[in-house]
């Protein structure tokens, strides 16, 4: 399978995605830690279905964005 994470995906990019997602998450106390739980579930499922580490990481980052919009 071809590499899914672009070479330009850096720690800084990951940090920006996390910060954007956290801004959405902390609108209400009820959503606190929701993103971390979703990210953990996605990571676990990715490994369970046999995805490699880079694919699992890409899905984990994407999972952080699921509530933005």
N, C-alpha and C. Protein backbone atom coordinates (compact mmCIF):
# COMPACT_ATOMS: atom_id res chain seq x y z
N UNK A 1 0.84 -1.17 0.00
CA UNK A 1 0.00 0.00 0.00
C UNK A 1 0.89 1.24 0.00
N UNK A 2 0.52 2.23 -0.81
CA UNK A 2 1.34 3.43 -0.89
C UNK A 2 1.29 4.21 0.41
N UNK A 3 2.30 5.01 0.60
CA UNK A 3 2.40 5.80 1.83
C UNK A 3 1.27 6.83 1.85
N UNK A 4 0.51 6.87 2.94
CA UNK A 4 -0.63 7.75 3.04
C UNK A 4 -0.32 9.09 3.68
N UNK A 5 0.69 9.12 4.53
CA UNK A 5 1.04 10.37 5.21
C UNK A 5 2.05 11.11 4.35
N UNK A 6 1.70 12.33 3.93
CA UNK A 6 2.64 13.10 3.11
C UNK A 6 3.93 13.37 3.87
N UNK A 7 5.01 13.53 3.12
CA UNK A 7 6.30 13.83 3.73
C UNK A 7 6.24 15.12 4.55
N UNK A 8 5.35 16.02 4.20
CA UNK A 8 5.27 17.31 4.89
C UNK A 8 4.51 17.23 6.21
N UNK A 9 3.94 16.06 6.54
CA UNK A 9 3.23 15.90 7.81
C UNK A 9 4.27 15.83 8.91
N UNK A 10 4.38 16.89 9.65
CA UNK A 10 5.40 17.00 10.68
C UNK A 10 4.77 17.05 12.06
N UNK A 11 5.58 17.07 13.06
CA UNK A 11 5.08 17.22 14.42
C UNK A 11 4.32 18.53 14.57
N UNK A 12 4.77 19.58 13.89
CA UNK A 12 4.08 20.86 13.97
C UNK A 12 2.69 20.76 13.37
N UNK A 13 2.55 20.05 12.25
CA UNK A 13 1.24 19.86 11.63
C UNK A 13 0.33 19.10 12.57
N UNK A 14 0.85 18.05 13.17
CA UNK A 14 0.07 17.26 14.12
C UNK A 14 -0.37 18.13 15.29
N UNK A 15 0.50 18.97 15.79
CA UNK A 15 0.15 19.87 16.90
C UNK A 15 -0.95 20.84 16.50
N UNK A 16 -0.91 21.36 15.29
CA UNK A 16 -1.94 22.29 14.81
C UNK A 16 -3.29 21.58 14.75
N UNK A 17 -3.30 20.38 14.21
CA UNK A 17 -4.55 19.61 14.12
C UNK A 17 -5.11 19.38 15.52
N UNK A 18 -4.27 18.98 16.46
CA UNK A 18 -4.72 18.75 17.83
C UNK A 18 -5.30 20.01 18.44
N UNK A 19 -4.63 21.13 18.24
CA UNK A 19 -5.12 22.39 18.84
C UNK A 19 -6.46 22.80 18.26
N UNK A 20 -6.63 22.63 16.95
CA UNK A 20 -7.92 22.95 16.33
C UNK A 20 -9.02 22.05 16.90
N UNK A 21 -8.73 20.79 17.02
CA UNK A 21 -9.71 19.85 17.54
C UNK A 21 -10.04 20.15 19.00
N UNK A 22 -9.03 20.45 19.80
CA UNK A 22 -9.27 20.76 21.20
C UNK A 22 -10.11 22.02 21.37
N UNK A 23 -9.96 22.98 20.46
CA UNK A 23 -10.79 24.19 20.54
C UNK A 23 -12.26 23.80 20.39
N UNK A 24 -12.54 22.88 19.49
CA UNK A 24 -13.92 22.41 19.32
C UNK A 24 -14.37 21.59 20.52
N UNK A 25 -13.48 20.78 21.07
CA UNK A 25 -13.84 19.89 22.16
C UNK A 25 -14.20 20.62 23.44
N UNK A 26 -13.49 21.66 23.76
CA UNK A 26 -13.66 22.30 25.05
C UNK A 26 -14.71 23.40 25.06
N UNK A 27 -15.64 23.32 24.13
CA UNK A 27 -16.76 24.26 24.16
C UNK A 27 -17.65 23.99 25.36
N UNK A 28 -17.77 22.72 25.74
CA UNK A 28 -18.61 22.36 26.89
C UNK A 28 -17.89 21.32 27.74
N UNK A 29 -18.17 21.30 29.04
CA UNK A 29 -17.54 20.29 29.91
C UNK A 29 -17.93 18.86 29.51
N UNK A 30 -19.09 18.68 28.93
CA UNK A 30 -19.56 17.33 28.57
C UNK A 30 -18.68 16.69 27.49
N UNK A 31 -17.99 17.51 26.71
CA UNK A 31 -17.16 16.95 25.64
C UNK A 31 -15.70 16.79 26.02
N UNK A 32 -15.36 17.12 27.25
CA UNK A 32 -13.97 17.02 27.69
C UNK A 32 -13.45 15.59 27.52
N UNK A 33 -12.28 15.49 26.97
CA UNK A 33 -11.58 14.22 26.73
C UNK A 33 -12.22 13.34 25.66
N UNK A 34 -13.27 13.82 25.04
CA UNK A 34 -13.93 13.06 23.97
C UNK A 34 -12.95 12.74 22.84
N UNK A 35 -12.17 13.73 22.44
CA UNK A 35 -11.24 13.51 21.32
C UNK A 35 -10.20 12.46 21.65
N UNK A 36 -9.68 12.47 22.85
CA UNK A 36 -8.68 11.48 23.22
C UNK A 36 -9.28 10.08 23.25
N UNK A 37 -10.54 9.97 23.70
CA UNK A 37 -11.19 8.65 23.69
C UNK A 37 -11.40 8.17 22.25
N UNK A 38 -11.88 9.05 21.39
CA UNK A 38 -12.10 8.68 19.99
C UNK A 38 -10.78 8.30 19.34
N UNK A 39 -9.75 9.09 19.59
CA UNK A 39 -8.44 8.80 19.00
C UNK A 39 -7.93 7.43 19.47
N UNK A 40 -8.11 7.11 20.74
CA UNK A 40 -7.68 5.81 21.26
C UNK A 40 -8.47 4.68 20.63
N UNK A 41 -9.79 4.85 20.47
CA UNK A 41 -10.61 3.82 19.84
C UNK A 41 -10.17 3.59 18.40
N UNK A 42 -9.95 4.68 17.67
CA UNK A 42 -9.55 4.56 16.27
C UNK A 42 -8.20 3.86 16.16
N UNK A 43 -7.28 4.23 17.01
CA UNK A 43 -5.96 3.60 16.99
C UNK A 43 -6.06 2.10 17.27
N UNK A 44 -6.85 1.74 18.26
CA UNK A 44 -7.04 0.33 18.60
C UNK A 44 -7.68 -0.43 17.45
N UNK A 45 -8.70 0.15 16.85
CA UNK A 45 -9.37 -0.51 15.72
C UNK A 45 -8.45 -0.64 14.51
N UNK A 46 -7.65 0.38 14.26
CA UNK A 46 -6.72 0.34 13.13
C UNK A 46 -5.73 -0.82 13.27
N UNK A 47 -5.21 -0.99 14.47
CA UNK A 47 -4.28 -2.10 14.72
C UNK A 47 -5.02 -3.43 14.60
N UNK A 48 -6.24 -3.49 15.11
CA UNK A 48 -7.01 -4.74 15.08
C UNK A 48 -7.32 -5.21 13.67
N UNK A 49 -7.49 -4.27 12.73
CA UNK A 49 -7.78 -4.67 11.35
C UNK A 49 -6.51 -4.82 10.52
N UNK A 50 -5.36 -4.65 11.17
CA UNK A 50 -4.10 -4.94 10.50
C UNK A 50 -3.44 -3.80 9.76
N UNK A 51 -3.82 -2.57 10.05
CA UNK A 51 -3.16 -1.43 9.41
C UNK A 51 -1.76 -1.25 9.98
N UNK A 52 -0.86 -0.73 9.15
CA UNK A 52 0.49 -0.49 9.66
C UNK A 52 0.51 0.80 10.48
N UNK A 53 1.64 1.07 11.10
CA UNK A 53 1.75 2.20 12.03
C UNK A 53 1.45 3.53 11.37
N UNK A 54 1.91 3.76 10.14
CA UNK A 54 1.67 5.06 9.50
C UNK A 54 0.20 5.24 9.15
N UNK A 55 -0.46 4.17 8.75
CA UNK A 55 -1.90 4.26 8.46
C UNK A 55 -2.70 4.49 9.74
N UNK A 56 -2.32 3.80 10.80
CA UNK A 56 -3.01 3.98 12.08
C UNK A 56 -2.83 5.40 12.59
N UNK A 57 -1.64 5.97 12.43
CA UNK A 57 -1.39 7.35 12.87
C UNK A 57 -2.20 8.34 12.05
N UNK A 58 -2.29 8.12 10.75
CA UNK A 58 -3.09 9.00 9.89
C UNK A 58 -4.55 8.99 10.33
N UNK A 59 -5.09 7.81 10.60
CA UNK A 59 -6.47 7.72 11.06
C UNK A 59 -6.65 8.37 12.42
N UNK A 60 -5.66 8.24 13.29
CA UNK A 60 -5.74 8.87 14.60
C UNK A 60 -5.80 10.39 14.49
N UNK A 61 -5.01 10.94 13.59
CA UNK A 61 -5.04 12.39 13.37
C UNK A 61 -6.38 12.80 12.78
N UNK A 62 -6.86 12.06 11.80
CA UNK A 62 -8.16 12.37 11.18
C UNK A 62 -9.29 12.27 12.20
N UNK A 63 -9.20 11.33 13.11
CA UNK A 63 -10.24 11.16 14.13
C UNK A 63 -10.37 12.40 14.99
N UNK A 64 -9.26 13.10 15.20
CA UNK A 64 -9.30 14.31 16.02
C UNK A 64 -10.13 15.41 15.35
N UNK A 65 -10.34 15.31 14.05
CA UNK A 65 -11.05 16.35 13.32
C UNK A 65 -12.53 16.02 13.10
N UNK A 66 -13.00 14.91 13.59
CA UNK A 66 -14.35 14.47 13.25
C UNK A 66 -15.45 15.41 13.74
N UNK A 67 -15.22 16.22 14.74
CA UNK A 67 -16.25 17.13 15.25
C UNK A 67 -16.14 18.55 14.71
N UNK A 68 -15.12 18.82 13.93
CA UNK A 68 -14.95 20.17 13.41
C UNK A 68 -15.83 20.33 12.18
N UNK A 69 -16.55 21.41 12.16
CA UNK A 69 -17.37 21.66 10.98
C UNK A 69 -18.72 22.16 11.28
